[in-house]
Amino acid sequence: MIRGFRFWVFIFFSLVFLLVDSSFSANQTAADGHFMKELGIIEFEEKIEAPDFRMKDLNGHEVTLKDHRGKIVFLNFWATWCPPCREEMPSMEKLYSEFRDKDFIMLAIDLRENAEKVKRFKEKLKLNFPILLDIDGRVGLGYAIRAIPSTYLVDREGYIIGGALGPRDWASQEAFQLFNHLLNTSPAS
């Protein structure tokens, strides 16, 4: 599950860099870069394969990241007790509703909480996107999560293309344009 020290160091410093300077540039197209910059998402210069995982969703079904190869994957790490996480959930729902019928999947990974508490939260906020349970926090550790919410964008081939620390307005025009662009320019598998 863990890709080694180099992966951890790159992830950690990439997220720290986001806090210091959101003008980080990479090898994405100008449109990707513009929209990612507008959203405060850092782009990764080198290809890093997203660590695969196996977790259960709220219905008890096992889900792996590789199950979604060929799609743009939105990975969000969060918890019900986290105010900034709760703040961005409605915009995540709008993003999911907009793109759910395309080659897009949103996986919200709850860290270290029990299923009943998360189910009540999901029902209260009327969320429809898939929620996975990282009961022991191992997946969060594999992604070097140090603060929540943290979001990673994974391309169709399973590589991390960007990361964001803190809440975002995922229903903004920039977010919709970014995902439209990613879905229309990334080759489908």
Protein backbone atom coordinates (compact mmCIF):
# COMPACT_ATOMS: atom_id res chain seq x y z
CA MET A 1 0.00 0.00 0.00
CA ILE A 2 2.74 2.48 0.87
CA ARG A 3 4.84 3.48 -2.13
CA GLY A 4 7.97 4.33 -0.17
CA PHE A 5 9.73 7.27 1.35
CA ARG A 6 10.00 9.24 -1.91
CA PHE A 7 6.22 9.15 -2.39
CA TRP A 8 5.56 10.31 1.18
CA VAL A 9 8.06 13.14 0.97
CA PHE A 10 6.70 14.33 -2.38
CA ILE A 11 3.07 14.26 -1.19
CA PHE A 12 3.88 16.00 2.08
CA PHE A 13 5.94 18.78 0.54
CA SER A 14 3.51 19.22 -2.33
CA LEU A 15 0.70 19.91 0.12
CA VAL A 16 2.89 22.19 2.23
CA PHE A 17 3.85 24.05 -0.95
CA LEU A 18 0.15 24.67 -1.58
CA LEU A 19 -0.06 26.62 1.66
CA VAL A 20 3.00 28.73 0.77
CA ASP A 21 2.51 29.37 -2.94
CA SER A 22 -0.52 28.37 -4.98
CA SER A 23 1.20 29.40 -8.22
CA PHE A 24 2.92 25.99 -8.58
CA SER A 25 3.13 25.04 -12.27
CA ALA A 26 3.32 21.63 -13.89
CA ASN A 27 3.09 19.73 -17.16
CA GLN A 28 -0.69 20.01 -17.52
CA THR A 29 -2.28 22.03 -20.29
CA ALA A 30 -2.76 25.76 -19.82
CA ALA A 31 -6.49 25.26 -19.19
CA ASP A 32 -5.87 22.61 -16.51
CA GLY A 33 -3.34 24.91 -14.88
CA HIS A 34 -5.62 27.92 -14.97
CA PHE A 35 -8.59 26.14 -13.41
CA MET A 36 -6.47 24.29 -10.87
CA LYS A 37 -4.74 27.51 -9.86
CA GLU A 38 -8.10 29.28 -9.52
CA LEU A 39 -9.23 26.52 -7.16
CA GLY A 40 -5.96 26.45 -5.19
CA ILE A 41 -5.17 22.92 -6.39
CA ILE A 42 -1.51 22.05 -6.84
CA GLU A 43 -0.53 20.10 -9.92
CA PHE A 44 2.07 17.36 -9.68
CA GLU A 45 5.06 17.62 -11.96
CA GLU A 46 5.94 13.94 -11.93
CA LYS A 47 3.65 10.98 -12.40
CA ILE A 48 2.83 9.32 -9.09
CA GLU A 49 0.52 6.37 -9.12
CA ALA A 50 -2.28 6.77 -6.61
CA PRO A 51 -1.99 4.06 -3.94
CA ASP A 52 -4.71 1.47 -4.41
CA PHE A 53 -6.95 0.64 -1.46
CA ARG A 54 -9.70 -1.71 -0.42
CA MET A 55 -12.43 -0.26 1.81
CA LYS A 56 -16.09 -0.80 2.47
CA ASP A 57 -18.77 1.67 1.55
CA LEU A 58 -21.76 2.44 3.78
CA ASN A 59 -23.61 -0.57 2.33
CA GLY A 60 -20.78 -2.95 3.21
CA HIS A 61 -19.57 -3.39 -0.39
CA GLU A 62 -15.83 -3.50 -0.98
CA VAL A 63 -14.43 -0.78 -3.22
CA THR A 64 -10.94 -0.39 -4.64
CA LEU A 65 -9.44 2.54 -6.49
CA LYS A 66 -8.61 0.24 -9.41
CA ASP A 67 -12.35 -0.46 -9.75
CA HIS A 68 -12.55 3.05 -11.21
CA ARG A 69 -9.65 2.96 -13.66
CA GLY A 70 -10.72 4.80 -16.82
CA LYS A 71 -12.53 7.52 -14.85
CA ILE A 72 -11.49 10.84 -13.38
CA VAL A 73 -11.50 10.17 -9.63
CA PHE A 74 -12.17 12.80 -6.97
CA LEU A 75 -10.78 11.48 -3.64
CA ASN A 76 -11.78 13.50 -0.60
CA PHE A 77 -10.58 12.68 2.93
CA TRP A 78 -12.84 14.01 5.68
CA ALA A 79 -14.67 13.37 8.99
CA THR A 80 -18.11 14.31 10.34
CA TRP A 81 -16.63 16.32 13.24
CA CYS A 82 -14.62 18.59 10.88
CA PRO A 83 -16.33 22.00 10.25
CA PRO A 84 -14.44 22.75 6.99
CA CYS A 85 -15.36 19.27 5.73
CA ARG A 86 -19.02 19.90 6.44
CA GLU A 87 -18.70 23.30 4.75
CA GLU A 88 -17.61 21.83 1.40
CA MET A 89 -19.99 18.84 1.32
CA PRO A 90 -22.93 20.66 -0.35
CA SER A 91 -20.67 21.87 -3.18
CA MET A 92 -19.25 18.36 -3.54
CA GLU A 93 -22.80 17.07 -3.92
CA LYS A 94 -23.43 19.60 -6.72
CA LEU A 95 -20.20 18.59 -8.48
CA TYR A 96 -21.14 14.92 -8.17
CA SER A 97 -24.66 15.56 -9.49
CA GLU A 98 -23.25 17.44 -12.48
CA PHE A 99 -20.71 14.79 -13.53
CA ARG A 100 -21.96 11.48 -12.12
CA ASP A 101 -23.21 10.27 -15.50
CA LYS A 102 -19.84 10.88 -17.15
CA ASP A 103 -16.51 9.09 -16.62
CA PHE A 104 -16.26 10.66 -13.17
CA ILE A 105 -16.44 9.20 -9.68
CA MET A 106 -16.34 10.92 -6.33
CA LEU A 107 -15.12 8.87 -3.37
CA ALA A 108 -15.41 10.57 0.01
CA ILE A 109 -13.20 8.71 2.47
CA ASP A 110 -14.28 9.13 6.08
CA LEU A 111 -11.40 8.79 8.53
CA ARG A 112 -11.78 6.62 11.63
CA GLU A 113 -15.51 6.89 12.30
CA ASN A 114 -18.15 4.21 12.57
CA ALA A 115 -20.63 3.49 9.82
CA GLU A 116 -23.76 4.47 11.76
CA LYS A 117 -22.47 7.95 12.56
CA VAL A 118 -21.45 8.50 8.93
CA LYS A 119 -24.80 7.17 7.63
CA ARG A 120 -26.70 9.64 9.84
CA PHE A 121 -24.49 12.46 8.58
CA LYS A 122 -25.04 11.44 4.94
CA GLU A 123 -28.82 11.28 5.41
CA LYS A 124 -28.94 14.62 7.23
CA LEU A 125 -27.06 16.40 4.41
CA LYS A 126 -28.85 14.38 1.68
CA LEU A 127 -25.57 13.32 0.07
CA ASN A 128 -25.62 10.87 -2.84
CA PHE A 129 -21.92 10.38 -3.61
CA PRO A 130 -20.18 7.21 -2.42
CA ILE A 131 -18.66 7.32 1.05
CA LEU A 132 -15.96 4.84 2.05
CA LEU A 133 -14.89 4.01 5.59
CA ASP A 134 -11.20 4.17 6.50
CA ILE A 135 -11.88 2.71 9.94
CA ASP A 136 -8.25 2.30 11.01
CA GLY A 137 -6.82 5.27 9.08
CA ARG A 138 -4.40 3.19 7.00
CA VAL A 139 -5.57 4.60 3.67
CA GLY A 140 -5.25 8.14 5.00
CA LEU A 141 -1.71 7.34 6.09
CA GLY A 142 -0.95 5.91 2.64
CA TYR A 143 -1.99 9.26 1.16
CA ALA A 144 -0.01 11.23 3.78
CA ILE A 145 -3.15 12.92 5.10
CA ARG A 146 -2.17 15.33 7.87
CA ALA A 147 -5.16 17.70 7.75
CA ILE A 148 -8.74 17.46 6.53
CA PRO A 149 -10.39 18.03 4.24
CA SER A 150 -7.78 16.92 1.73
CA THR A 151 -8.64 16.15 -1.87
CA TYR A 152 -6.72 14.38 -4.62
CA LEU A 153 -7.60 14.26 -8.30
CA VAL A 154 -6.66 11.02 -10.05
CA ASP A 155 -6.54 10.67 -13.82
CA ARG A 156 -7.99 7.83 -15.89
CA GLU A 157 -4.69 5.91 -15.73
CA GLY A 158 -4.52 6.01 -11.92
CA TYR A 159 -2.02 8.86 -11.48
CA ILE A 160 -2.48 11.73 -9.05
CA ILE A 161 -2.71 14.94 -11.04
CA GLY A 162 -3.50 17.40 -8.27
CA GLY A 163 -4.17 17.92 -4.62
CA ALA A 164 -5.96 20.43 -2.41
CA LEU A 165 -5.72 21.02 1.31
CA GLY A 166 -8.73 22.63 2.94
CA PRO A 167 -12.28 23.23 1.73
CA ARG A 168 -13.15 24.41 -1.77
CA ASP A 169 -16.27 25.54 -3.57
CA TRP A 170 -16.52 22.49 -5.81
CA ALA A 171 -19.69 23.90 -7.38
CA SER A 172 -17.92 26.99 -8.68
CA GLN A 173 -17.67 27.82 -12.36
CA GLU A 174 -13.92 27.08 -12.21
CA ALA A 175 -14.51 23.64 -10.73
CA PHE A 176 -17.12 22.76 -13.36
CA GLN A 177 -14.81 24.03 -16.12
CA LEU A 178 -11.89 22.03 -14.73
CA PHE A 179 -13.82 18.76 -14.66
CA ASN A 180 -15.39 19.40 -18.06
CA HIS A 181 -11.89 19.96 -19.40
CA LEU A 182 -10.44 16.87 -17.68
CA LEU A 183 -13.28 14.70 -18.93
CA ASN A 184 -13.05 16.01 -22.49
CA THR A 185 -9.27 15.96 -22.89
CA SER A 186 -8.28 12.83 -20.98
CA PRO A 187 -8.39 9.74 -23.19
CA ALA A 188 -10.97 7.20 -22.04
CA SER A 189 -9.73 3.68 -21.38
